[in-house]
C-alpha atoms as a PDB file:
ATOM      1  CA  MET A   1       9.355 -39.320 -36.331  1.00  0.00           C
ATOM      2  CA  LEU A   2       6.041 -37.954 -36.337  1.00  0.00           C
ATOM      3  CA  ASP A   3       4.302 -37.537 -39.789  1.00  0.00           C
ATOM      4  CA  GLN A   4       4.221 -34.000 -40.675  1.00  0.00           C
ATOM      5  CA  GLY A   5       1.966 -34.585 -43.516  1.00  0.00           C
ATOM      6  CA  SER A   6      -0.628 -35.761 -41.128  1.00  0.00           C
ATOM      7  CA  LEU A   7      -0.194 -33.004 -38.776  1.00  0.00           C
ATOM      8  CA  ASN A   8      -0.366 -30.513 -41.585  1.00  0.00           C
ATOM      9  CA  GLY A   9      -3.748 -32.225 -42.466  1.00  0.00           C
ATOM     10  CA  ILE A  10      -5.134 -31.724 -39.038  1.00  0.00           C
ATOM     11  CA  LEU A  11      -4.169 -28.227 -38.925  1.00  0.00           C
ATOM     12  CA  LYS A  12      -5.697 -27.585 -42.362  1.00  0.00           C
ATOM     13  CA  ASP A  13      -8.971 -29.033 -41.013  1.00  0.00           C
ATOM     14  CA  LEU A  14      -9.056 -26.895 -38.176  1.00  0.00           C
ATOM     15  CA  GLU A  15      -8.243 -23.675 -40.169  1.00  0.00           C
ATOM     16  CA  THR A  16     -10.972 -24.342 -42.243  1.00  0.00           C
ATOM     17  CA  ALA A  17     -13.572 -25.313 -39.422  1.00  0.00           C
ATOM     18  CA  THR A  18     -16.736 -23.429 -39.672  1.00  0.00           C
ATOM     19  CA  ALA A  19     -18.074 -24.314 -36.015  1.00  0.00           C
ATOM     20  CA  LEU A  20     -16.702 -24.913 -32.485  1.00  0.00           C
ATOM     21  CA  GLU A  21     -17.033 -28.708 -33.293  1.00  0.00           C
ATOM     22  CA  GLY A  22     -14.032 -28.556 -35.448  1.00  0.00           C
ATOM     23  CA  LEU A  23     -11.880 -27.685 -32.595  1.00  0.00           C
ATOM     24  CA  GLN A  24     -13.161 -30.730 -30.773  1.00  0.00           C
ATOM     25  CA  ILE A  25     -12.297 -32.871 -33.889  1.00  0.00           C
ATOM     26  CA  ALA A  26      -8.738 -31.560 -33.958  1.00  0.00           C
ATOM     27  CA  THR A  27      -8.312 -32.559 -30.284  1.00  0.00           C
ATOM     28  CA  GLU A  28      -9.306 -36.136 -30.991  1.00  0.00           C
ATOM     29  CA  ALA A  29      -7.170 -36.105 -34.069  1.00  0.00           C
ATOM     30  CA  LEU A  30      -3.917 -34.738 -32.463  1.00  0.00           C
ATOM     31  CA  SER A  31      -4.270 -37.305 -29.521  1.00  0.00           C
ATOM     32  CA  ALA A  32      -4.021 -40.077 -31.844  1.00  0.00           C
ATOM     33  CA  HIS A  33      -1.321 -38.228 -33.946  1.00  0.00           C
ATOM     34  CA  PHE A  34       1.097 -37.693 -30.956  1.00  0.00           C
ATOM     35  CA  GLY A  35       0.181 -41.092 -29.243  1.00  0.00           C
ATOM     36  CA  VAL A  36      -1.004 -39.326 -25.971  1.00  0.00           C
ATOM     37  CA  ASP A  37      -3.908 -40.029 -23.692  1.00  0.00           C
ATOM     38  CA  HIS A  38      -5.370 -36.246 -23.950  1.00  0.00           C
ATOM     39  CA  VAL A  39      -5.159 -32.977 -25.854  1.00  0.00           C
ATOM     40  CA  VAL A  40      -7.212 -30.274 -24.432  1.00  0.00           C
ATOM     41  CA  TYR A  41      -7.866 -26.478 -25.460  1.00  0.00           C
ATOM     42  CA  HIS A  42      -9.557 -24.249 -22.809  1.00  0.00           C
ATOM     43  CA  TRP A  43     -10.053 -20.655 -23.286  1.00  0.00           C
ATOM     44  CA  VAL A  44     -11.541 -17.311 -21.639  1.00  0.00           C
ATOM     45  CA  ASP A  45     -12.759 -14.951 -24.058  1.00  0.00           C
ATOM     46  CA  SER A  46     -12.783 -11.179 -23.685  1.00  0.00           C
ATOM     47  CA  ARG A  47     -15.964 -10.968 -21.947  1.00  0.00           C
ATOM     48  CA  GLY A  48     -14.934 -13.704 -19.420  1.00  0.00           C
ATOM     49  CA  ASP A  49     -17.191 -16.633 -21.020  1.00  0.00           C
ATOM     50  CA  GLN A  50     -15.262 -20.091 -20.511  1.00  0.00           C
ATOM     51  CA  TYR A  51     -15.262 -22.678 -23.369  1.00  0.00           C
ATOM     52  CA  GLY A  52     -13.349 -25.911 -23.751  1.00  0.00           C
ATOM     53  CA  CYS A  53     -12.796 -28.971 -25.832  1.00  0.00           C
ATOM     54  CA  GLY A  54     -10.733 -32.003 -25.688  1.00  0.00           C
ATOM     55  CA  THR A  55     -10.400 -35.699 -24.839  1.00  0.00           C
ATOM     56  CA  TYR A  56     -10.928 -35.576 -20.954  1.00  0.00           C
ATOM     57  CA  SER A  57     -13.622 -38.021 -19.952  1.00  0.00           C
ATOM     58  CA  GLU A  58     -17.058 -36.754 -19.089  1.00  0.00           C
ATOM     59  CA  ALA A  59     -16.671 -37.878 -15.625  1.00  0.00           C
ATOM     60  CA  TRP A  60     -13.558 -36.065 -14.862  1.00  0.00           C
ATOM     61  CA  LYS A  61     -15.042 -32.831 -16.789  1.00  0.00           C
ATOM     62  CA  LYS A  62     -18.000 -33.000 -14.234  1.00  0.00           C
ATOM     63  CA  ARG A  63     -15.797 -33.674 -11.195  1.00  0.00           C
ATOM     64  CA  TYR A  64     -13.552 -30.580 -11.816  1.00  0.00           C
ATOM     65  CA  LEU A  65     -16.615 -28.358 -12.278  1.00  0.00           C
ATOM     66  CA  ASP A  66     -18.376 -29.713  -9.143  1.00  0.00           C
ATOM     67  CA  GLN A  67     -15.385 -29.488  -6.910  1.00  0.00           C
ATOM     68  CA  ASN A  68     -14.451 -26.044  -8.330  1.00  0.00           C
ATOM     69  CA  TYR A  69     -10.928 -27.247  -9.002  1.00  0.00           C
ATOM     70  CA  LEU A  70      -9.976 -24.159 -11.011  1.00  0.00           C
ATOM     71  CA  ARG A  71      -9.243 -22.717  -7.406  1.00  0.00           C
ATOM     72  CA  VAL A  72      -6.478 -25.024  -6.903  1.00  0.00           C
ATOM     73  CA  ASP A  73      -5.260 -26.440 -10.103  1.00  0.00           C
ATOM     74  CA  PRO A  74      -1.438 -25.425 -10.146  1.00  0.00           C
ATOM     75  CA  VAL A  75      -1.610 -25.792 -14.070  1.00  0.00           C
ATOM     76  CA  ILE A  76      -4.003 -22.839 -14.305  1.00  0.00           C
ATOM     77  CA  ALA A  77      -2.187 -20.796 -11.751  1.00  0.00           C
ATOM     78  CA  GLY A  78       1.215 -21.414 -13.099  1.00  0.00           C
ATOM     79  CA  CYS A  79       0.419 -21.054 -16.671  1.00  0.00           C
ATOM     80  CA  TYR A  80      -1.565 -17.779 -15.770  1.00  0.00           C
ATOM     81  CA  GLN A  81       1.675 -16.257 -14.531  1.00  0.00           C
ATOM     82  CA  ARG A  82       4.077 -17.317 -17.445  1.00  0.00           C
ATOM     83  CA  PHE A  83       4.412 -16.709 -21.274  1.00  0.00           C
ATOM     84  CA  HIS A  84       6.223 -19.637 -22.111  1.00  0.00           C
ATOM     85  CA  PRO A  85       5.370 -23.461 -22.086  1.00  0.00           C
ATOM     86  CA  VAL A  86       5.180 -25.331 -18.620  1.00  0.00           C
ATOM     87  CA  ASP A  87       5.869 -28.848 -18.117  1.00  0.00           C
ATOM     88  CA  TRP A  88       3.565 -29.642 -15.089  1.00  0.00           C
ATOM     89  CA  LYS A  89       6.512 -30.881 -13.223  1.00  0.00           C
ATOM     90  CA  GLN A  90       7.745 -27.514 -13.002  1.00  0.00           C
ATOM     91  CA  LEU A  91       5.045 -26.367 -11.148  1.00  0.00           C
ATOM     92  CA  ASP A  92       4.097 -26.196  -7.442  1.00  0.00           C
ATOM     93  CA  TRP A  93       2.582 -29.201  -6.336  1.00  0.00           C
ATOM     94  CA  THR A  94       3.701 -29.176  -2.529  1.00  0.00           C
ATOM     95  CA  GLY A  95       0.483 -28.068  -1.083  1.00  0.00           C
ATOM     96  CA  LYS A  96      -1.889 -30.573   0.198  1.00  0.00           C
ATOM     97  CA  PRO A  97      -4.820 -29.354  -1.971  1.00  0.00           C
ATOM     98  CA  ALA A  98      -2.703 -29.538  -5.116  1.00  0.00           C
ATOM     99  CA  ARG A  99      -1.486 -33.073  -4.270  1.00  0.00           C
ATOM    100  CA  ALA A 100      -4.933 -34.306  -3.537  1.00  0.00           C
ATOM    101  CA  PHE A 101      -6.170 -32.600  -6.837  1.00  0.00           C
ATOM    102  CA  LEU A 102      -3.151 -34.391  -8.670  1.00  0.00           C
ATOM    103  CA  ALA A 103      -3.805 -37.804  -7.228  1.00  0.00           C
ATOM    104  CA  GLU A 104      -7.557 -37.595  -8.282  1.00  0.00           C
ATOM    105  CA  ALA A 105      -6.630 -36.242 -11.916  1.00  0.00           C
ATOM    106  CA  ILE A 106      -4.296 -39.392 -12.461  1.00  0.00           C
ATOM    107  CA  ALA A 107      -6.997 -41.630 -11.028  1.00  0.00           C
ATOM    108  CA  TYR A 108      -9.529 -40.085 -13.692  1.00  0.00           C
ATOM    109  CA  GLY A 109      -7.132 -40.913 -16.500  1.00  0.00           C
ATOM    110  CA  VAL A 110      -5.575 -37.615 -16.887  1.00  0.00           C
ATOM    111  CA  GLY A 111      -1.990 -38.787 -16.778  1.00  0.00           C
ATOM    112  CA  ASN A 112       1.008 -38.249 -14.737  1.00  0.00           C
ATOM    113  CA  GLN A 113       2.788 -36.070 -17.290  1.00  0.00           C
ATOM    114  CA  GLY A 114       1.494 -32.798 -18.865  1.00  0.00           C
ATOM    115  CA  TYR A 115       2.808 -30.030 -20.961  1.00  0.00           C
ATOM    116  CA  SER A 116       0.755 -26.638 -21.165  1.00  0.00           C
ATOM    117  CA  VAL A 117       1.129 -23.671 -23.459  1.00  0.00           C
ATOM    118  CA  PRO A 118      -0.328 -20.430 -22.335  1.00  0.00           C
ATOM    119  CA  VAL A 119      -1.874 -18.212 -24.982  1.00  0.00           C
ATOM    120  CA  ARG A 120      -2.899 -14.460 -24.634  1.00  0.00           C
ATOM    121  CA  GLY A 121      -5.323 -12.874 -26.920  1.00  0.00           C
ATOM    122  CA  PRO A 122      -6.634  -9.173 -27.248  1.00  0.00           C
ATOM    123  CA  VAL A 123      -8.701  -7.518 -24.588  1.00  0.00           C
ATOM    124  CA  GLY A 124      -7.823 -10.051 -21.665  1.00  0.00           C
ATOM    125  CA  GLN A 125      -8.570 -13.484 -23.772  1.00  0.00           C
ATOM    126  CA  PHE A 126      -6.624 -16.265 -22.106  1.00  0.00           C
ATOM    127  CA  ALA A 127      -6.196 -19.621 -23.283  1.00  0.00           C
ATOM    128  CA  LEU A 128      -4.282 -22.968 -22.430  1.00  0.00           C
ATOM    129  CA  PHE A 129      -3.408 -25.871 -24.818  1.00  0.00           C
ATOM    130  CA  THR A 130      -2.575 -28.966 -23.051  1.00  0.00           C
ATOM    131  CA  VAL A 131      -1.107 -32.450 -23.774  1.00  0.00           C
ATOM    132  CA  SER A 132      -1.078 -35.091 -21.064  1.00  0.00           C
ATOM    133  CA  THR A 133      -0.468 -38.892 -20.910  1.00  0.00           C
ATOM    134  CA  ASN A 134       0.943 -41.355 -18.394  1.00  0.00           C
ATOM    135  CA  CYS A 135       4.452 -42.499 -19.042  1.00  0.00           C
ATOM    136  CA  SER A 136       7.958 -42.364 -17.344  1.00  0.00           C
ATOM    137  CA  ASP A 137       9.720 -39.002 -17.125  1.00  0.00           C
ATOM    138  CA  ASP A 138      12.498 -40.050 -19.597  1.00  0.00           C
ATOM    139  CA  LYS A 139       9.992 -40.807 -22.134  1.00  0.00           C
ATOM    140  CA  TRP A 140       8.053 -37.742 -21.573  1.00  0.00           C
ATOM    141  CA  ARG A 141      11.167 -35.603 -21.634  1.00  0.00           C
ATOM    142  CA  ALA A 142      12.007 -37.125 -24.990  1.00  0.00           C
ATOM    143  CA  PHE A 143       8.503 -36.458 -26.339  1.00  0.00           C
ATOM    144  CA  THR A 144       8.461 -32.705 -25.323  1.00  0.00           C
ATOM    145  CA  GLU A 145      12.072 -31.994 -26.631  1.00  0.00           C
ATOM    146  CA  ASP A 146      11.109 -33.514 -29.969  1.00  0.00           C
ATOM    147  CA  ASN A 147       7.545 -31.574 -30.079  1.00  0.00           C
ATOM    148  CA  SER A 148       7.584 -28.579 -28.337  1.00  0.00           C
ATOM    149  CA  ARG A 149       7.726 -26.374 -31.417  1.00  0.00           C
ATOM    150  CA  ASP A 150       4.890 -28.212 -32.954  1.00  0.00           C
ATOM    151  CA  LEU A 151       2.724 -27.772 -29.650  1.00  0.00           C
ATOM    152  CA  ILE A 152       3.365 -24.086 -29.551  1.00  0.00           C
ATOM    153  CA  LEU A 153       2.350 -23.766 -33.177  1.00  0.00           C
ATOM    154  CA  ILE A 154      -0.619 -25.932 -32.745  1.00  0.00           C
ATOM    155  CA  ALA A 155      -1.713 -23.662 -29.721  1.00  0.00           C
ATOM    156  CA  HIS A 156      -1.676 -20.547 -31.682  1.00  0.00           C
ATOM    157  CA  TYR A 157      -3.749 -22.258 -34.471  1.00  0.00           C
ATOM    158  CA  PHE A 158      -6.381 -23.361 -31.919  1.00  0.00           C
ATOM    159  CA  ASN A 159      -6.469 -19.957 -30.310  1.00  0.00           C
ATOM    160  CA  ARG A 160      -6.543 -18.155 -33.831  1.00  0.00           C
ATOM    161  CA  LYS A 161      -9.665 -20.207 -34.826  1.00  0.00           C
ATOM    162  CA  ALA A 162     -11.281 -19.661 -31.163  1.00  0.00           C
ATOM    163  CA  LEU A 163     -11.100 -16.035 -31.760  1.00  0.00           C
ATOM    164  CA  ALA A 164     -12.678 -16.128 -35.224  1.00  0.00           C
ATOM    165  CA  PHE A 165     -15.584 -17.758 -33.366  1.00  0.00           C
ATOM    166  CA  GLU A 166     -15.820 -14.992 -30.628  1.00  0.00           C
ATOM    167  CA  PRO A 167     -19.019 -12.798 -31.575  1.00  0.00           C
ATOM    168  CA  ASP A 168     -18.588  -9.164 -32.180  1.00  0.00           C
ATOM    169  CA  ARG A 169     -14.922  -9.064 -32.204  1.00  0.00           C
ATOM    170  CA  SER A 170     -13.100  -6.580 -34.362  1.00  0.00           C
ATOM    171  CA  GLU A 171      -9.803  -7.484 -35.591  1.00  0.00           C
ATOM    172  CA  GLU A 172      -6.822  -5.537 -34.533  1.00  0.00           C
ATOM    173  CA  GLN A 173      -4.260  -4.318 -37.035  1.00  0.00           C
ATOM    174  CA  ALA A 174      -0.673  -5.929 -36.355  1.00  0.00           C
ATOM    175  CA  GLN A 175       2.225  -3.658 -36.780  1.00  0.00           C
ATOM    176  CA  ALA A 176       5.578  -5.588 -37.940  1.00  0.00           C
ATOM    177  CA  LEU A 177       8.259  -5.503 -35.553  1.00  0.00           C
ATOM    178  CA  SER A 178      11.876  -5.370 -36.838  1.00  0.00           C
ATOM    179  CA  PRO A 179      13.801  -8.295 -36.603  1.00  0.00           C
ATOM    180  CA  ARG A 180      15.764  -6.871 -33.695  1.00  0.00           C
ATOM    181  CA  GLU A 181      12.524  -5.903 -31.651  1.00  0.00           C
ATOM    182  CA  THR A 182      11.495  -9.538 -32.479  1.00  0.00           C
ATOM    183  CA  ASP A 183      14.602 -11.017 -31.001  1.00  0.00           C
ATOM    184  CA  ALA A 184      14.331  -8.761 -27.881  1.00  0.00           C
ATOM    185  CA  ILE A 185      10.875  -9.566 -27.202  1.00  0.00           C
ATOM    186  CA  THR A 186      11.152 -13.185 -27.873  1.00  0.00           C
ATOM    187  CA  LEU A 187      14.085 -13.423 -25.436  1.00  0.00           C
ATOM    188  CA  ILE A 188      12.211 -11.667 -22.906  1.00  0.00           C
ATOM    189  CA  ALA A 189       9.101 -13.900 -23.465  1.00  0.00           C
ATOM    190  CA  LEU A 190      11.525 -16.819 -22.584  1.00  0.00           C
ATOM    191  CA  GLY A 191      12.575 -15.446 -19.144  1.00  0.00           C
ATOM    192  CA  TYR A 192      15.680 -14.000 -20.060  1.00  0.00           C
ATOM    193  CA  SER A 193      16.911 -11.040 -17.947  1.00  0.00           C
ATOM    194  CA  ARG A 194      17.451  -7.616 -19.762  1.00  0.00           C
ATOM    195  CA  ALA A 195      21.098  -8.403 -19.106  1.00  0.00           C
ATOM    196  CA  GLN A 196      20.977 -11.553 -20.670  1.00  0.00           C
ATOM    197  CA  VAL A 197      19.089 -10.481 -23.699  1.00  0.00           C
ATOM    198  CA  ALA A 198      21.526  -7.660 -24.277  1.00  0.00           C
ATOM    199  CA  GLU A 199      24.417 -10.137 -24.057  1.00  0.00           C
ATOM    200  CA  ALA A 200      22.685 -12.843 -26.444  1.00  0.00           C
ATOM    201  CA  LEU A 201      22.288 -10.035 -29.021  1.00  0.00           C
ATOM    202  CA  ALA A 202      25.553  -8.457 -28.530  1.00  0.00           C
ATOM    203  CA  ILE A 203      24.321  -4.824 -27.651  1.00  0.00           C
ATOM    204  CA  SER A 204      24.372  -2.638 -24.873  1.00  0.00           C
ATOM    205  CA  GLU A 205      21.534  -2.631 -22.289  1.00  0.00           C
ATOM    206  CA  HIS A 206      20.913   1.099 -23.534  1.00  0.00           C
ATOM    207  CA  THR A 207      20.331  -0.035 -27.222  1.00  0.00           C
ATOM    208  CA  LEU A 208      18.109  -2.895 -25.893  1.00  0.00           C
ATOM    209  CA  ARG A 209      15.816  -0.409 -24.020  1.00  0.00           C
ATOM    210  CA  VAL A 210      15.563   1.258 -27.446  1.00  0.00           C
ATOM    211  CA  TYR A 211      14.230  -1.729 -29.051  1.00  0.00           C
ATOM    212  CA  ILE A 212      11.921  -2.747 -26.319  1.00  0.00           C
ATOM    213  CA  GLU A 213      10.438   0.503 -26.138  1.00  0.00           C
ATOM    214  CA  SER A 214      10.082   1.008 -29.858  1.00  0.00           C
ATOM    215  CA  ALA A 215       8.191  -2.644 -29.797  1.00  0.00           C
ATOM    216  CA  ARG A 216       6.109  -1.425 -26.839  1.00  0.00           C
ATOM    217  CA  PHE A 217       5.094   1.509 -28.868  1.00  0.00           C
ATOM    218  CA  LYS A 218       4.071  -0.278 -31.879  1.00  0.00           C
ATOM    219  CA  LEU A 219       2.113  -2.868 -30.106  1.00  0.00           C
ATOM    220  CA  GLY A 220       0.284  -0.273 -28.109  1.00  0.00           C
ATOM    221  CA  ALA A 221       1.315  -1.743 -24.777  1.00  0.00           C
ATOM    222  CA  THR A 222       1.589  -0.313 -21.475  1.00  0.00           C
ATOM    223  CA  ASN A 223       4.648  -2.008 -20.323  1.00  0.00           C
ATOM    224  CA  THR A 224       7.095  -4.789 -21.537  1.00  0.00           C
ATOM    225  CA  THR A 225       4.850  -7.677 -20.052  1.00  0.00           C
ATOM    226  CA  HIS A 226       1.881  -6.295 -21.999  1.00  0.00           C
ATOM    227  CA  ALA A 227       4.105  -6.008 -25.149  1.00  0.00           C
ATOM    228  CA  VAL A 228       4.992  -9.683 -24.752  1.00  0.00           C
ATOM    229  CA  ALA A 229       1.646 -10.906 -24.315  1.00  0.00           C
ATOM    230  CA  ARG A 230       0.340  -8.814 -27.349  1.00  0.00           C
ATOM    231  CA  ALA A 231       3.175 -10.023 -29.543  1.00  0.00           C
ATOM    232  CA  LEU A 232       2.334 -13.483 -28.767  1.00  0.00           C
ATOM    233  CA  SER A 233      -1.326 -13.009 -29.210  1.00  0.00           C
ATOM    234  CA  ARG A 234      -0.761 -11.554 -32.652  1.00  0.00           C
ATOM    235  CA  GLY A 235       1.580 -14.132 -33.748  1.00  0.00           C
ATOM    236  CA  LEU A 236       4.404 -11.742 -34.115  1.00  0.00           C
ATOM    237  CA  ILE A 237       6.817 -13.950 -31.909  1.00  0.00           C
ATOM    238  CA  VAL A 238       6.469 -17.489 -31.112  1.00  0.00           C
ATOM    239  CA  VAL A 239       7.929 -18.993 -27.956  1.00  0.00           C
END
């Protein structure tokens, strides 16, 4: 069992950080805390500028940029299309460029296992919080089952701090969702169909539509997907 006291201390230091170096320090502390090879946080702000911090080697970071691996990285493509955390083994590695990329990443010490949490912020901000290491499938499955909730929470801590460092950003006022609206949006974010959400909440699909539309209006969202993204970025739901 991981020491929650130690984790809380790392998150407290992250919250009180006054410069981007604090995010880097947190990735190093979390890597040691969880006993994984790497912890990485990468984000694109609302103006399109990219930042990153983490424990990947300088050699791998240089190689990634020099080869423009952003074009072929299944983790980036897969997570951009999702709202929920992704185990790398769930992604499509069948293409020749993707397989070559993975082989090289492993050779550079990234690890054969990975878990990435996509986070969306205001005005198009997008981020990924990732842990990766080298271990067996069974050991990795146990690790993610034991720690997924903490990893999701940590991802949002990082994103909140990163947004605080973004220049000239104005705070958005978050309207509270009702418990039913929260439940509905959370289940949709997890990938449930509307029929499945209605069944899980023991309500009709018509009633569900009312909850979703109400949540969408409160969030100022143009559609359901936009509502989910806004609810996640504002911390109104956690998946």
